[in-house]
Amino acid sequence: MILGLVLNALGNGLCISSNMGSGIWTASAVNLNQWLGVDTGLVLFIIGVLNALTNQFLIHRVDVKRFIGQILFVSFYSYFIDLFTMLFEFMGIPKLPIFPRALIAILSIICFCVAISLYQRANIVMHPNDDTTNILRFHYLKGNSTAAQIIDFIPPTIVVIVAFIFTHQIYSINIATLVSILFNGVFIATSDKLVWPRLKHNFKIKFENRE
């Protein structure tokens, strides 16, 4: 869980600093930052809270322990993203030529997909957005991680479009975003098999209206 948290924040911080696109949820936070001037880490925290609330509806009951755990997770996650972004900017990642930055951005997508795979399988505490995809995957979509990721991408895409209407600019959308949209589910499913394969999914939910 801890390794997954750090890897996820590292991957997203690297995406942001490479300026070659990022995961669509991170991109939505960056675009809100440019539109409203709110700190990116704070936006990601607010998004996490909204995700955590959404999960309560998806599991058809109130799970206080799950909610508090996810809020704690996203608090550390958003803080670490800010730290990693500042670190990579200090290291000069944004000033590199376009080709190495594109490679770095793609590798960072793979990095946070591995992270998601790890803490989804551990299923102790995870980022609320990744719990959303887990719930969708195993209780609504018969284990299809790709379909779960595609559905999960709809809200941040709407946010980016709305921000564009007001700013007339799109930020943090580039090659890495396309790779994320097309292959997040594939990378996560592949990581399930290749990265720490003995760590198996133990994902279970008891719905209020069924066992």
N, C-alpha and C. Protein backbone atom coordinates (compact mmCIF):
# COMPACT_ATOMS: atom_id res chain seq x y z
N MET A 1 0.82 -1.20 0.00
CA MET A 1 0.00 0.00 0.00
C MET A 1 0.86 1.26 0.00
N ILE A 2 1.86 1.28 0.89
CA ILE A 2 2.74 2.45 0.99
C ILE A 2 3.55 2.63 -0.29
N LEU A 3 4.07 1.52 -0.81
CA LEU A 3 4.82 1.57 -2.07
C LEU A 3 3.94 2.09 -3.19
N GLY A 4 2.70 1.62 -3.24
CA GLY A 4 1.77 2.07 -4.27
C GLY A 4 1.48 3.56 -4.17
N LEU A 5 1.29 4.05 -2.94
CA LEU A 5 1.02 5.46 -2.73
C LEU A 5 2.17 6.33 -3.24
N VAL A 6 3.40 5.97 -2.85
CA VAL A 6 4.57 6.76 -3.24
C VAL A 6 4.79 6.70 -4.75
N LEU A 7 4.66 5.50 -5.34
CA LEU A 7 4.85 5.36 -6.78
C LEU A 7 3.80 6.15 -7.57
N ASN A 8 2.58 6.15 -7.07
CA ASN A 8 1.52 6.89 -7.75
C ASN A 8 1.80 8.39 -7.74
N ALA A 9 2.16 8.91 -6.57
CA ALA A 9 2.47 10.34 -6.47
C ALA A 9 3.69 10.69 -7.30
N LEU A 10 4.70 9.82 -7.27
CA LEU A 10 5.92 10.05 -8.07
C LEU A 10 5.58 10.09 -9.55
N GLY A 11 4.80 9.13 -10.03
CA GLY A 11 4.45 9.08 -11.44
C GLY A 11 3.66 10.30 -11.87
N ASN A 12 2.72 10.73 -11.06
CA ASN A 12 1.92 11.90 -11.41
C ASN A 12 2.74 13.19 -11.34
N GLY A 13 3.63 13.28 -10.34
CA GLY A 13 4.51 14.45 -10.27
C GLY A 13 5.43 14.53 -11.47
N LEU A 14 5.91 13.37 -11.92
CA LEU A 14 6.78 13.32 -13.10
C LEU A 14 6.01 13.70 -14.35
N CYS A 15 4.77 13.25 -14.45
CA CYS A 15 3.92 13.63 -15.58
C CYS A 15 3.75 15.14 -15.66
N ILE A 16 3.41 15.74 -14.53
CA ILE A 16 3.17 17.19 -14.50
C ILE A 16 4.43 17.96 -14.89
N SER A 17 5.57 17.58 -14.33
CA SER A 17 6.81 18.31 -14.59
C SER A 17 7.32 18.10 -16.01
N SER A 18 7.00 16.96 -16.63
CA SER A 18 7.45 16.72 -18.01
C SER A 18 6.71 17.60 -19.00
N ASN A 19 5.52 18.08 -18.62
CA ASN A 19 4.71 18.93 -19.49
C ASN A 19 4.43 18.26 -20.84
N MET A 20 4.31 16.93 -20.80
CA MET A 20 3.96 16.18 -22.01
C MET A 20 2.66 15.40 -21.79
N GLY A 21 1.82 15.97 -20.96
CA GLY A 21 0.56 15.33 -20.65
C GLY A 21 0.64 14.56 -19.36
N SER A 22 -0.52 14.17 -18.86
CA SER A 22 -0.59 13.39 -17.62
C SER A 22 -1.87 12.58 -17.65
N GLY A 23 -2.07 11.78 -16.61
CA GLY A 23 -3.33 11.06 -16.48
C GLY A 23 -4.47 12.06 -16.49
N ILE A 24 -5.63 11.66 -17.00
CA ILE A 24 -6.72 12.60 -17.24
C ILE A 24 -7.23 13.25 -15.96
N TRP A 25 -7.22 12.51 -14.82
CA TRP A 25 -7.65 13.13 -13.56
C TRP A 25 -6.66 14.20 -13.13
N THR A 26 -5.36 13.92 -13.24
CA THR A 26 -4.36 14.94 -12.91
C THR A 26 -4.46 16.11 -13.86
N ALA A 27 -4.69 15.83 -15.15
CA ALA A 27 -4.85 16.90 -16.14
C ALA A 27 -6.04 17.79 -15.80
N SER A 28 -7.11 17.19 -15.33
CA SER A 28 -8.28 18.00 -14.95
C SER A 28 -7.94 18.93 -13.80
N ALA A 29 -7.12 18.44 -12.84
CA ALA A 29 -6.70 19.29 -11.71
C ALA A 29 -5.81 20.44 -12.19
N VAL A 30 -4.91 20.15 -13.12
CA VAL A 30 -4.02 21.18 -13.66
C VAL A 30 -4.84 22.25 -14.39
N ASN A 31 -5.84 21.83 -15.16
CA ASN A 31 -6.67 22.79 -15.89
C ASN A 31 -7.53 23.63 -14.94
N LEU A 32 -8.01 23.02 -13.85
CA LEU A 32 -8.73 23.80 -12.84
C LEU A 32 -7.79 24.80 -12.17
N ASN A 33 -6.54 24.38 -11.93
CA ASN A 33 -5.54 25.28 -11.37
C ASN A 33 -5.33 26.49 -12.26
N GLN A 34 -5.24 26.27 -13.57
CA GLN A 34 -5.02 27.37 -14.51
C GLN A 34 -6.26 28.25 -14.63
N TRP A 35 -7.43 27.67 -14.48
CA TRP A 35 -8.68 28.42 -14.60
C TRP A 35 -9.00 29.20 -13.33
N LEU A 36 -8.92 28.52 -12.17
CA LEU A 36 -9.37 29.11 -10.92
C LEU A 36 -8.24 29.58 -10.02
N GLY A 37 -6.99 29.18 -10.33
CA GLY A 37 -5.85 29.59 -9.53
C GLY A 37 -5.70 28.82 -8.23
N VAL A 38 -6.40 27.70 -8.09
CA VAL A 38 -6.32 26.89 -6.88
C VAL A 38 -5.15 25.92 -7.00
N ASP A 39 -4.41 25.72 -5.91
CA ASP A 39 -3.26 24.83 -5.91
C ASP A 39 -3.63 23.45 -6.43
N THR A 40 -2.80 22.88 -7.29
CA THR A 40 -3.09 21.59 -7.90
C THR A 40 -3.27 20.49 -6.86
N GLY A 41 -2.41 20.49 -5.84
CA GLY A 41 -2.54 19.49 -4.78
C GLY A 41 -3.87 19.59 -4.06
N LEU A 42 -4.33 20.82 -3.82
CA LEU A 42 -5.62 21.03 -3.16
C LEU A 42 -6.76 20.54 -4.05
N VAL A 43 -6.67 20.83 -5.35
CA VAL A 43 -7.70 20.36 -6.29
C VAL A 43 -7.76 18.84 -6.28
N LEU A 44 -6.59 18.19 -6.29
CA LEU A 44 -6.56 16.73 -6.27
C LEU A 44 -7.15 16.18 -4.97
N PHE A 45 -6.94 16.90 -3.87
CA PHE A 45 -7.53 16.48 -2.60
C PHE A 45 -9.06 16.58 -2.67
N ILE A 46 -9.58 17.68 -3.19
CA ILE A 46 -11.02 17.87 -3.30
C ILE A 46 -11.64 16.80 -4.21
N ILE A 47 -10.96 16.53 -5.33
CA ILE A 47 -11.43 15.47 -6.23
C ILE A 47 -11.47 14.13 -5.50
N GLY A 48 -10.44 13.87 -4.68
CA GLY A 48 -10.40 12.63 -3.92
C GLY A 48 -11.57 12.51 -2.95
N VAL A 49 -11.92 13.61 -2.29
CA VAL A 49 -13.06 13.60 -1.37
C VAL A 49 -14.35 13.29 -2.13
N LEU A 50 -14.51 13.92 -3.29
CA LEU A 50 -15.71 13.66 -4.11
C LEU A 50 -15.75 12.20 -4.57
N ASN A 51 -14.58 11.65 -4.92
CA ASN A 51 -14.51 10.23 -5.30
C ASN A 51 -14.92 9.35 -4.13
N ALA A 52 -14.43 9.69 -2.94
CA ALA A 52 -14.75 8.89 -1.75
C ALA A 52 -16.25 8.90 -1.47
N LEU A 53 -16.88 10.05 -1.65
CA LEU A 53 -18.33 10.13 -1.47
C LEU A 53 -19.07 9.32 -2.53
N THR A 54 -18.57 9.37 -3.76
CA THR A 54 -19.18 8.59 -4.85
C THR A 54 -19.14 7.10 -4.53
N ASN A 55 -18.03 6.65 -3.95
CA ASN A 55 -17.89 5.23 -3.63
C ASN A 55 -18.94 4.76 -2.63
N GLN A 56 -19.32 5.64 -1.72
CA GLN A 56 -20.36 5.27 -0.76
C GLN A 56 -21.67 4.96 -1.46
N PHE A 57 -21.98 5.72 -2.52
CA PHE A 57 -23.19 5.44 -3.30
C PHE A 57 -23.05 4.16 -4.10
N LEU A 58 -21.86 3.93 -4.66
CA LEU A 58 -21.66 2.75 -5.51
C LEU A 58 -21.75 1.43 -4.73
N ILE A 59 -21.37 1.46 -3.44
CA ILE A 59 -21.45 0.23 -2.65
C ILE A 59 -22.79 0.11 -1.90
N HIS A 60 -23.67 1.11 -2.11
CA HIS A 60 -25.04 1.06 -1.59
C HIS A 60 -25.13 1.09 -0.07
N ARG A 61 -24.11 1.62 0.59
CA ARG A 61 -24.19 1.74 2.05
C ARG A 61 -23.13 2.71 2.53
N VAL A 62 -23.25 3.12 3.79
CA VAL A 62 -22.26 4.00 4.40
C VAL A 62 -21.18 3.15 5.06
N ASP A 63 -19.94 3.34 4.63
CA ASP A 63 -18.79 2.62 5.19
C ASP A 63 -17.81 3.67 5.71
N VAL A 64 -17.95 4.01 6.99
CA VAL A 64 -17.18 5.10 7.58
C VAL A 64 -15.69 4.80 7.55
N LYS A 65 -15.32 3.56 7.89
CA LYS A 65 -13.90 3.18 7.91
C LYS A 65 -13.28 3.35 6.52
N ARG A 66 -14.00 2.91 5.50
CA ARG A 66 -13.52 3.03 4.12
C ARG A 66 -13.35 4.50 3.75
N PHE A 67 -14.33 5.33 4.10
CA PHE A 67 -14.31 6.75 3.75
C PHE A 67 -13.14 7.46 4.42
N ILE A 68 -12.96 7.25 5.72
CA ILE A 68 -11.88 7.92 6.45
C ILE A 68 -10.52 7.48 5.91
N GLY A 69 -10.37 6.18 5.66
CA GLY A 69 -9.11 5.67 5.12
C GLY A 69 -8.76 6.31 3.79
N GLN A 70 -9.76 6.48 2.93
CA GLN A 70 -9.50 7.07 1.62
C GLN A 70 -9.17 8.56 1.72
N ILE A 71 -9.79 9.25 2.65
CA ILE A 71 -9.47 10.67 2.85
C ILE A 71 -8.03 10.82 3.35
N LEU A 72 -7.62 9.96 4.27
CA LEU A 72 -6.23 9.98 4.74
C LEU A 72 -5.25 9.68 3.61
N PHE A 73 -5.59 8.69 2.79
CA PHE A 73 -4.74 8.32 1.66
C PHE A 73 -4.57 9.51 0.72
N VAL A 74 -5.67 10.14 0.33
CA VAL A 74 -5.60 11.22 -0.65
C VAL A 74 -4.92 12.46 -0.06
N SER A 75 -4.96 12.61 1.26
CA SER A 75 -4.26 13.73 1.91
C SER A 75 -2.75 13.60 1.70
N PHE A 76 -2.22 12.41 1.98
CA PHE A 76 -0.79 12.16 1.77
C PHE A 76 -0.45 12.22 0.29
N TYR A 77 -1.31 11.64 -0.53
CA TYR A 77 -1.08 11.57 -1.98
C TYR A 77 -0.96 12.96 -2.60
N SER A 78 -1.89 13.85 -2.29
CA SER A 78 -1.87 15.19 -2.89
C SER A 78 -0.65 15.97 -2.40
N TYR A 79 -0.26 15.77 -1.14
CA TYR A 79 0.93 16.44 -0.60
C TYR A 79 2.19 15.95 -1.30
N PHE A 80 2.30 14.61 -1.48
CA PHE A 80 3.48 14.05 -2.14
C PHE A 80 3.57 14.47 -3.60
N ILE A 81 2.44 14.62 -4.28
CA ILE A 81 2.47 15.08 -5.67
C ILE A 81 3.10 16.46 -5.75
N ASP A 82 2.70 17.36 -4.87
CA ASP A 82 3.31 18.70 -4.85
C ASP A 82 4.81 18.61 -4.60
N LEU A 83 5.23 17.75 -3.66
CA LEU A 83 6.65 17.60 -3.35
C LEU A 83 7.43 17.06 -4.56
N PHE A 84 6.92 16.00 -5.18
CA PHE A 84 7.60 15.40 -6.32
C PHE A 84 7.65 16.36 -7.50
N THR A 85 6.57 17.10 -7.73
CA THR A 85 6.54 18.06 -8.84
C THR A 85 7.62 19.12 -8.64
N MET A 86 7.73 19.65 -7.42
CA MET A 86 8.76 20.65 -7.13
C MET A 86 10.16 20.05 -7.29
N LEU A 87 10.34 18.80 -6.84
CA LEU A 87 11.63 18.14 -6.96
C LEU A 87 12.04 17.98 -8.42
N PHE A 88 11.13 17.49 -9.26
CA PHE A 88 11.46 17.26 -10.66
C PHE A 88 11.66 18.57 -11.42
N GLU A 89 10.95 19.61 -11.03
CA GLU A 89 11.18 20.91 -11.65
C GLU A 89 12.56 21.45 -11.26
N PHE A 90 12.94 21.23 -9.99
CA PHE A 90 14.27 21.63 -9.53
C PHE A 90 15.36 20.87 -10.28
N MET A 91 15.10 19.60 -10.61
CA MET A 91 16.06 18.78 -11.34
C MET A 91 16.15 19.15 -12.83
N GLY A 92 15.23 19.99 -13.28
CA GLY A 92 15.30 20.47 -14.66
C GLY A 92 14.54 19.63 -15.67
N ILE A 93 13.64 18.76 -15.21
CA ILE A 93 12.87 17.93 -16.13
C ILE A 93 12.10 18.77 -17.16
N PRO A 94 11.45 19.87 -16.76
CA PRO A 94 10.69 20.65 -17.74
C PRO A 94 11.56 21.28 -18.84
N LYS A 95 12.87 21.40 -18.61
CA LYS A 95 13.75 22.04 -19.58
C LYS A 95 14.41 21.05 -20.55
N LEU A 96 14.14 19.76 -20.37
CA LEU A 96 14.72 18.76 -21.26
C LEU A 96 14.11 18.89 -22.66
N PRO A 97 14.79 18.37 -23.69
CA PRO A 97 14.21 18.35 -25.04
C PRO A 97 12.92 17.55 -25.08
N ILE A 98 12.13 17.76 -26.10
CA ILE A 98 10.78 17.20 -26.16
C ILE A 98 10.78 15.67 -26.18
N PHE A 99 11.73 15.04 -26.89
CA PHE A 99 11.70 13.58 -27.00
C PHE A 99 11.95 12.90 -25.66
N PRO A 100 12.99 13.26 -24.90
CA PRO A 100 13.16 12.62 -23.59
C PRO A 100 12.00 12.92 -22.63
N ARG A 101 11.41 14.12 -22.74
CA ARG A 101 10.28 14.42 -21.87
C ARG A 101 9.08 13.54 -22.22
N ALA A 102 8.89 13.26 -23.52
CA ALA A 102 7.80 12.38 -23.93
C ALA A 102 8.01 10.96 -23.39
N LEU A 103 9.24 10.48 -23.47
CA LEU A 103 9.54 9.14 -22.93
C LEU A 103 9.33 9.10 -21.42
N ILE A 104 9.78 10.14 -20.74
CA ILE A 104 9.62 10.22 -19.29
C ILE A 104 8.14 10.21 -18.92
N ALA A 105 7.34 10.96 -19.68
CA ALA A 105 5.90 11.03 -19.40
C ALA A 105 5.23 9.68 -19.57
N ILE A 106 5.59 8.95 -20.63
CA ILE A 106 5.01 7.63 -20.87
C ILE A 106 5.43 6.66 -19.76
N LEU A 107 6.71 6.71 -19.37
CA LEU A 107 7.18 5.86 -18.28
C LEU A 107 6.47 6.19 -16.97
N SER A 108 6.15 7.46 -16.78
CA SER A 108 5.46 7.85 -15.55
C SER A 108 4.03 7.31 -15.52
N ILE A 109 3.39 7.20 -16.70
CA ILE A 109 2.07 6.59 -16.77
C ILE A 109 2.15 5.13 -16.33
N ILE A 110 3.15 4.43 -16.86
CA ILE A 110 3.36 3.02 -16.48
C ILE A 110 3.62 2.92 -14.99
N CYS A 111 4.40 3.87 -14.45
CA CYS A 111 4.75 3.88 -13.03
C CYS A 111 3.50 3.95 -12.17
N PHE A 112 2.58 4.88 -12.47
CA PHE A 112 1.44 4.97 -11.58
C PHE A 112 0.40 3.87 -11.85
N CYS A 113 0.43 3.26 -13.03
CA CYS A 113 -0.42 2.09 -13.25
C CYS A 113 0.06 0.89 -12.43
N VAL A 114 1.37 0.71 -12.33
CA VAL A 114 1.93 -0.32 -11.46
C VAL A 114 1.52 -0.04 -10.01
N ALA A 115 1.58 1.22 -9.62
CA ALA A 115 1.20 1.60 -8.26
C ALA A 115 -0.26 1.25 -7.98
N ILE A 116 -1.12 1.59 -8.93
CA ILE A 116 -2.55 1.30 -8.77
C ILE A 116 -2.78 -0.20 -8.64
N SER A 117 -2.09 -0.97 -9.48
CA SER A 117 -2.21 -2.43 -9.42
C SER A 117 -1.83 -2.95 -8.04
N LEU A 118 -0.75 -2.42 -7.47
CA LEU A 118 -0.27 -2.90 -6.18
C LEU A 118 -1.27 -2.64 -5.06
N TYR A 119 -1.72 -1.39 -4.94
CA TYR A 119 -2.57 -1.15 -3.77
C TYR A 119 -4.02 -1.55 -4.01
N GLN A 120 -4.44 -1.73 -5.28
CA GLN A 120 -5.76 -2.32 -5.49
C GLN A 120 -5.77 -3.78 -5.06
N ARG A 121 -4.68 -4.51 -5.36
CA ARG A 121 -4.61 -5.91 -4.94
C ARG A 121 -4.45 -6.03 -3.42
N ALA A 122 -3.64 -5.15 -2.84
CA ALA A 122 -3.47 -5.18 -1.38
C ALA A 122 -4.79 -4.89 -0.68
N ASN A 123 -5.54 -3.93 -1.24
CA ASN A 123 -6.88 -3.59 -0.75
C ASN A 123 -6.91 -3.33 0.76
N ILE A 124 -5.94 -2.56 1.22
CA ILE A 124 -5.96 -2.10 2.62
C ILE A 124 -6.63 -0.73 2.64
N VAL A 125 -5.93 0.24 2.05
CA VAL A 125 -6.50 1.56 1.79
C VAL A 125 -5.96 1.97 0.43
N MET A 126 -6.77 2.63 -0.36
CA MET A 126 -6.31 3.05 -1.68
C MET A 126 -6.88 4.42 -2.01
N HIS A 127 -6.35 5.01 -3.08
CA HIS A 127 -6.90 6.28 -3.54
C HIS A 127 -8.38 6.07 -3.88
N PRO A 128 -9.26 6.97 -3.45
CA PRO A 128 -10.69 6.76 -3.68
C PRO A 128 -11.06 6.61 -5.15
N ASN A 129 -10.34 7.29 -6.04
CA ASN A 129 -10.63 7.14 -7.47
C ASN A 129 -10.33 5.73 -7.95
N ASP A 130 -9.27 5.13 -7.43
CA ASP A 130 -8.92 3.77 -7.82
C ASP A 130 -9.86 2.76 -7.17
N ASP A 131 -10.40 3.11 -6.02
CA ASP A 131 -11.44 2.27 -5.43
C ASP A 131 -12.69 2.33 -6.31
N THR A 132 -12.97 3.49 -6.88
CA THR A 132 -14.11 3.62 -7.81
C THR A 132 -13.97 2.64 -8.97
N THR A 133 -12.77 2.62 -9.58
CA THR A 133 -12.56 1.71 -10.72
C THR A 133 -12.62 0.25 -10.27
N ASN A 134 -12.14 -0.02 -9.05
CA ASN A 134 -12.22 -1.38 -8.52
C ASN A 134 -13.68 -1.81 -8.35
N ILE A 135 -14.49 -0.93 -7.78
CA ILE A 135 -15.92 -1.23 -7.59
C ILE A 135 -16.60 -1.45 -8.94
N LEU A 136 -16.33 -0.53 -9.88
CA LEU A 136 -16.91 -0.69 -11.21
C LEU A 136 -16.45 -1.99 -11.87
N ARG A 137 -15.17 -2.27 -11.73
CA ARG A 137 -14.58 -3.45 -12.39
C ARG A 137 -15.17 -4.75 -11.88
N PHE A 138 -15.25 -4.93 -10.56
CA PHE A 138 -15.60 -6.23 -10.01
C PHE A 138 -17.09 -6.39 -9.69
N HIS A 139 -17.83 -5.29 -9.59
CA HIS A 139 -19.24 -5.41 -9.20
C HIS A 139 -20.21 -4.89 -10.24
N TYR A 140 -19.70 -4.29 -11.28
CA TYR A 140 -20.58 -3.79 -12.34
C TYR A 140 -20.14 -4.24 -13.74
N LEU A 141 -18.85 -4.56 -13.92
CA LEU A 141 -18.32 -4.81 -15.27
C LEU A 141 -17.62 -6.16 -15.40
N LYS A 142 -17.93 -7.09 -14.51
CA LYS A 142 -17.44 -8.47 -14.61
C LYS A 142 -15.91 -8.57 -14.73
N GLY A 143 -15.20 -7.71 -13.99
CA GLY A 143 -13.74 -7.79 -13.93
C GLY A 143 -13.01 -7.08 -15.06
N ASN A 144 -13.72 -6.35 -15.90
CA ASN A 144 -13.10 -5.68 -17.05
C ASN A 144 -12.46 -4.37 -16.61
N SER A 145 -11.12 -4.37 -16.44
CA SER A 145 -10.42 -3.18 -15.95
C SER A 145 -10.41 -2.06 -16.99
N THR A 146 -10.36 -2.41 -18.28
CA THR A 146 -10.32 -1.39 -19.33
C THR A 146 -11.63 -0.62 -19.39
N ALA A 147 -12.76 -1.33 -19.33
CA ALA A 147 -14.07 -0.68 -19.34
C ALA A 147 -14.24 0.21 -18.11
N ALA A 148 -13.77 -0.26 -16.96
CA ALA A 148 -13.86 0.53 -15.73
C ALA A 148 -13.07 1.83 -15.85
N GLN A 149 -11.87 1.76 -16.45
CA GLN A 149 -11.07 2.95 -16.63
C GLN A 149 -11.73 3.94 -17.58
N ILE A 150 -12.32 3.44 -18.67
CA ILE A 150 -12.97 4.32 -19.64
C ILE A 150 -14.12 5.08 -19.00
N ILE A 151 -14.96 4.39 -18.23
CA ILE A 151 -16.07 5.05 -17.54
C ILE A 151 -15.55 6.08 -16.55
N ASP A 152 -14.47 5.73 -15.86
CA ASP A 152 -13.89 6.62 -14.86
C ASP A 152 -13.31 7.88 -15.49
N PHE A 153 -12.97 7.85 -16.77
CA PHE A 153 -12.38 9.01 -17.44
C PHE A 153 -13.42 10.05 -17.85
N ILE A 154 -14.69 9.72 -17.80
CA ILE A 154 -15.73 10.66 -18.28
C ILE A 154 -15.78 11.95 -17.46
N PRO A 155 -15.86 11.90 -16.10
CA PRO A 155 -15.94 13.15 -15.33
C PRO A 155 -14.75 14.09 -15.54
N PRO A 156 -13.47 13.62 -15.48
CA PRO A 156 -12.37 14.57 -15.68
C PRO A 156 -12.33 15.14 -17.09
N THR A 157 -12.78 14.38 -18.07
CA THR A 157 -12.84 14.90 -19.44
C THR A 157 -13.80 16.07 -19.52
N ILE A 158 -14.94 15.94 -18.83
CA ILE A 158 -15.92 17.04 -18.79
C ILE A 158 -15.31 18.26 -18.11
N VAL A 159 -14.54 18.04 -17.03
CA VAL A 159 -13.90 19.16 -16.32
C VAL A 159 -12.93 19.89 -17.25
N VAL A 160 -12.13 19.15 -18.00
CA VAL A 160 -11.17 19.77 -18.93
C VAL A 160 -11.90 20.60 -19.98
N ILE A 161 -13.01 20.08 -20.49
CA ILE A 161 -13.78 20.80 -21.51
C ILE A 161 -14.35 22.10 -20.94
N VAL A 162 -14.90 22.03 -19.73
CA VAL A 162 -15.47 23.24 -19.10
C VAL A 162 -14.38 24.27 -18.84
N ALA A 163 -13.21 23.83 -18.32
CA ALA A 163 -12.10 24.75 -18.08
C ALA A 163 -11.64 25.39 -19.39
N PHE A 164 -11.63 24.63 -20.47
CA PHE A 164 -11.24 25.16 -21.77
C PHE A 164 -12.20 26.25 -22.24
N ILE A 165 -13.48 26.09 -21.98
CA ILE A 165 -14.47 27.09 -22.38
C ILE A 165 -14.14 28.44 -21.77
N PHE A 166 -13.63 28.43 -20.52
CA PHE A 166 -13.35 29.69 -19.83
C PHE A 166 -11.94 30.21 -20.07
N THR A 167 -10.97 29.31 -20.27
CA THR A 167 -9.58 29.76 -20.41
C THR A 167 -9.12 29.78 -21.87
N HIS A 168 -9.83 29.06 -22.73
CA HIS A 168 -9.45 28.90 -24.14
C HIS A 168 -8.08 28.25 -24.30
N GLN A 169 -7.66 27.51 -23.27
CA GLN A 169 -6.40 26.77 -23.31
C GLN A 169 -6.63 25.39 -22.68
N ILE A 170 -5.86 24.41 -23.16
CA ILE A 170 -5.89 23.08 -22.55
C ILE A 170 -4.49 22.78 -22.04
N TYR A 171 -4.39 22.43 -20.77
CA TYR A 171 -3.10 22.19 -20.13
C TYR A 171 -2.95 20.72 -19.76
N SER A 172 -1.69 20.26 -19.77
CA SER A 172 -1.33 18.91 -19.32
C SER A 172 -2.03 17.81 -20.12
N ILE A 173 -2.43 18.14 -21.35
CA ILE A 173 -2.99 17.13 -22.26
C ILE A 173 -2.02 16.98 -23.42
N ASN A 174 -1.46 15.79 -23.55
CA ASN A 174 -0.48 15.56 -24.61
C ASN A 174 -0.36 14.06 -24.83
N ILE A 175 0.77 13.63 -25.32
CA ILE A 175 0.95 12.22 -25.66
C ILE A 175 0.74 11.29 -24.47
N ALA A 176 1.18 11.71 -23.29
CA ALA A 176 1.02 10.85 -22.12
C ALA A 176 -0.45 10.68 -21.76
N THR A 177 -1.26 11.72 -21.98
CA THR A 177 -2.69 11.62 -21.71
C THR A 177 -3.34 10.60 -22.63
N LEU A 178 -2.97 10.64 -23.91
CA LEU A 178 -3.50 9.67 -24.87
C LEU A 178 -3.11 8.25 -24.48
N VAL A 179 -1.84 8.07 -24.09
CA VAL A 179 -1.39 6.75 -23.65
C VAL A 179 -2.18 6.30 -22.43
N SER A 180 -2.42 7.23 -21.50
CA SER A 180 -3.17 6.90 -20.29
C SER A 180 -4.60 6.48 -20.62
N ILE A 181 -5.27 7.25 -21.48
CA ILE A 181 -6.66 6.94 -21.83
C ILE A 181 -6.76 5.58 -22.52
N LEU A 182 -5.83 5.30 -23.43
CA LEU A 182 -5.90 4.08 -24.22
C LEU A 182 -5.42 2.84 -23.47
N PHE A 183 -4.42 3.03 -22.57
CA PHE A 183 -3.73 1.85 -22.04
C PHE A 183 -3.73 1.72 -20.52
N ASN A 184 -4.34 2.65 -19.78
CA ASN A 184 -4.34 2.51 -18.32
C ASN A 184 -4.83 1.14 -17.88
N GLY A 185 -5.99 0.75 -18.40
CA GLY A 185 -6.55 -0.53 -18.01
C GLY A 185 -5.66 -1.70 -18.39
N VAL A 186 -5.03 -1.61 -19.56
CA VAL A 186 -4.12 -2.66 -20.03
C VAL A 186 -2.90 -2.73 -19.13
N PHE A 187 -2.31 -1.56 -18.82
CA PHE A 187 -1.12 -1.54 -17.96
C PHE A 187 -1.42 -2.10 -16.57
N ILE A 188 -2.59 -1.76 -16.03
CA ILE A 188 -2.95 -2.24 -14.69
C ILE A 188 -3.15 -3.75 -14.71
N ALA A 189 -3.88 -4.24 -15.71
CA ALA A 189 -4.12 -5.68 -15.80
C ALA A 189 -2.81 -6.45 -16.02
N THR A 190 -1.90 -5.88 -16.81
CA THR A 190 -0.60 -6.52 -17.05
C THR A 190 0.24 -6.51 -15.77
N SER A 191 0.19 -5.41 -15.04
CA SER A 191 0.92 -5.33 -13.76
C SER A 191 0.40 -6.36 -12.77
N ASP A 192 -0.92 -6.61 -12.80
CA ASP A 192 -1.50 -7.63 -11.93
C ASP A 192 -0.81 -8.97 -12.13
N LYS A 193 -0.43 -9.25 -13.39
CA LYS A 193 0.15 -10.55 -13.71
C LYS A 193 1.67 -10.59 -13.55
N LEU A 194 2.34 -9.44 -13.81
CA LEU A 194 3.80 -9.46 -13.88
C LEU A 194 4.51 -8.86 -12.66
N VAL A 195 3.89 -7.91 -11.99
CA VAL A 195 4.52 -7.24 -10.85
C VAL A 195 3.98 -7.83 -9.56
N TRP A 196 4.86 -8.54 -8.84
CA TRP A 196 4.46 -9.19 -7.58
C TRP A 196 3.23 -10.08 -7.82
N PRO A 197 3.32 -11.07 -8.70
CA PRO A 197 2.16 -11.87 -9.09
C PRO A 197 1.52 -12.65 -7.95
N ARG A 198 2.26 -12.91 -6.88
CA ARG A 198 1.68 -13.64 -5.75
C ARG A 198 0.73 -12.78 -4.92
N LEU A 199 0.75 -11.46 -5.17
CA LEU A 199 -0.18 -10.57 -4.49
C LEU A 199 -1.50 -10.60 -5.25
N LYS A 200 -2.50 -11.26 -4.70
CA LYS A 200 -3.77 -11.47 -5.39
C LYS A 200 -4.84 -10.49 -4.92
N HIS A 201 -5.80 -10.22 -5.81
CA HIS A 201 -6.94 -9.38 -5.45
C HIS A 201 -7.75 -10.04 -4.33
N ASN A 202 -8.02 -9.26 -3.29
CA ASN A 202 -8.90 -9.75 -2.24
C ASN A 202 -10.08 -8.80 -2.08
N PHE A 203 -10.52 -8.28 -3.22
CA PHE A 203 -11.53 -7.22 -3.22
C PHE A 203 -12.92 -7.80 -3.01
N LYS A 204 -13.57 -7.38 -1.91
CA LYS A 204 -14.92 -7.83 -1.61
C LYS A 204 -15.70 -6.65 -1.06
N ILE A 205 -16.98 -6.62 -1.42
CA ILE A 205 -17.89 -5.60 -0.89
C ILE A 205 -19.18 -6.30 -0.47
N LYS A 206 -19.68 -5.95 0.69
CA LYS A 206 -20.99 -6.43 1.10
C LYS A 206 -21.99 -5.31 0.86
N PHE A 207 -22.86 -5.49 -0.14
CA PHE A 207 -23.86 -4.48 -0.45
C PHE A 207 -24.99 -4.55 0.56
N GLU A 208 -25.65 -3.42 0.75
CA GLU A 208 -26.70 -3.37 1.75
C GLU A 208 -27.89 -4.24 1.37
N ASN A 209 -28.15 -4.36 0.06
CA ASN A 209 -29.32 -5.09 -0.38
C ASN A 209 -29.01 -6.50 -0.86
N ARG A 210 -27.75 -6.94 -0.68
CA ARG A 210 -27.38 -8.30 -1.07
C ARG A 210 -26.08 -8.69 -0.40
N GLU A 211 -25.80 -9.97 -0.28
CA GLU A 211 -24.57 -10.46 0.32
C GLU A 211 -23.50 -10.52 -0.75
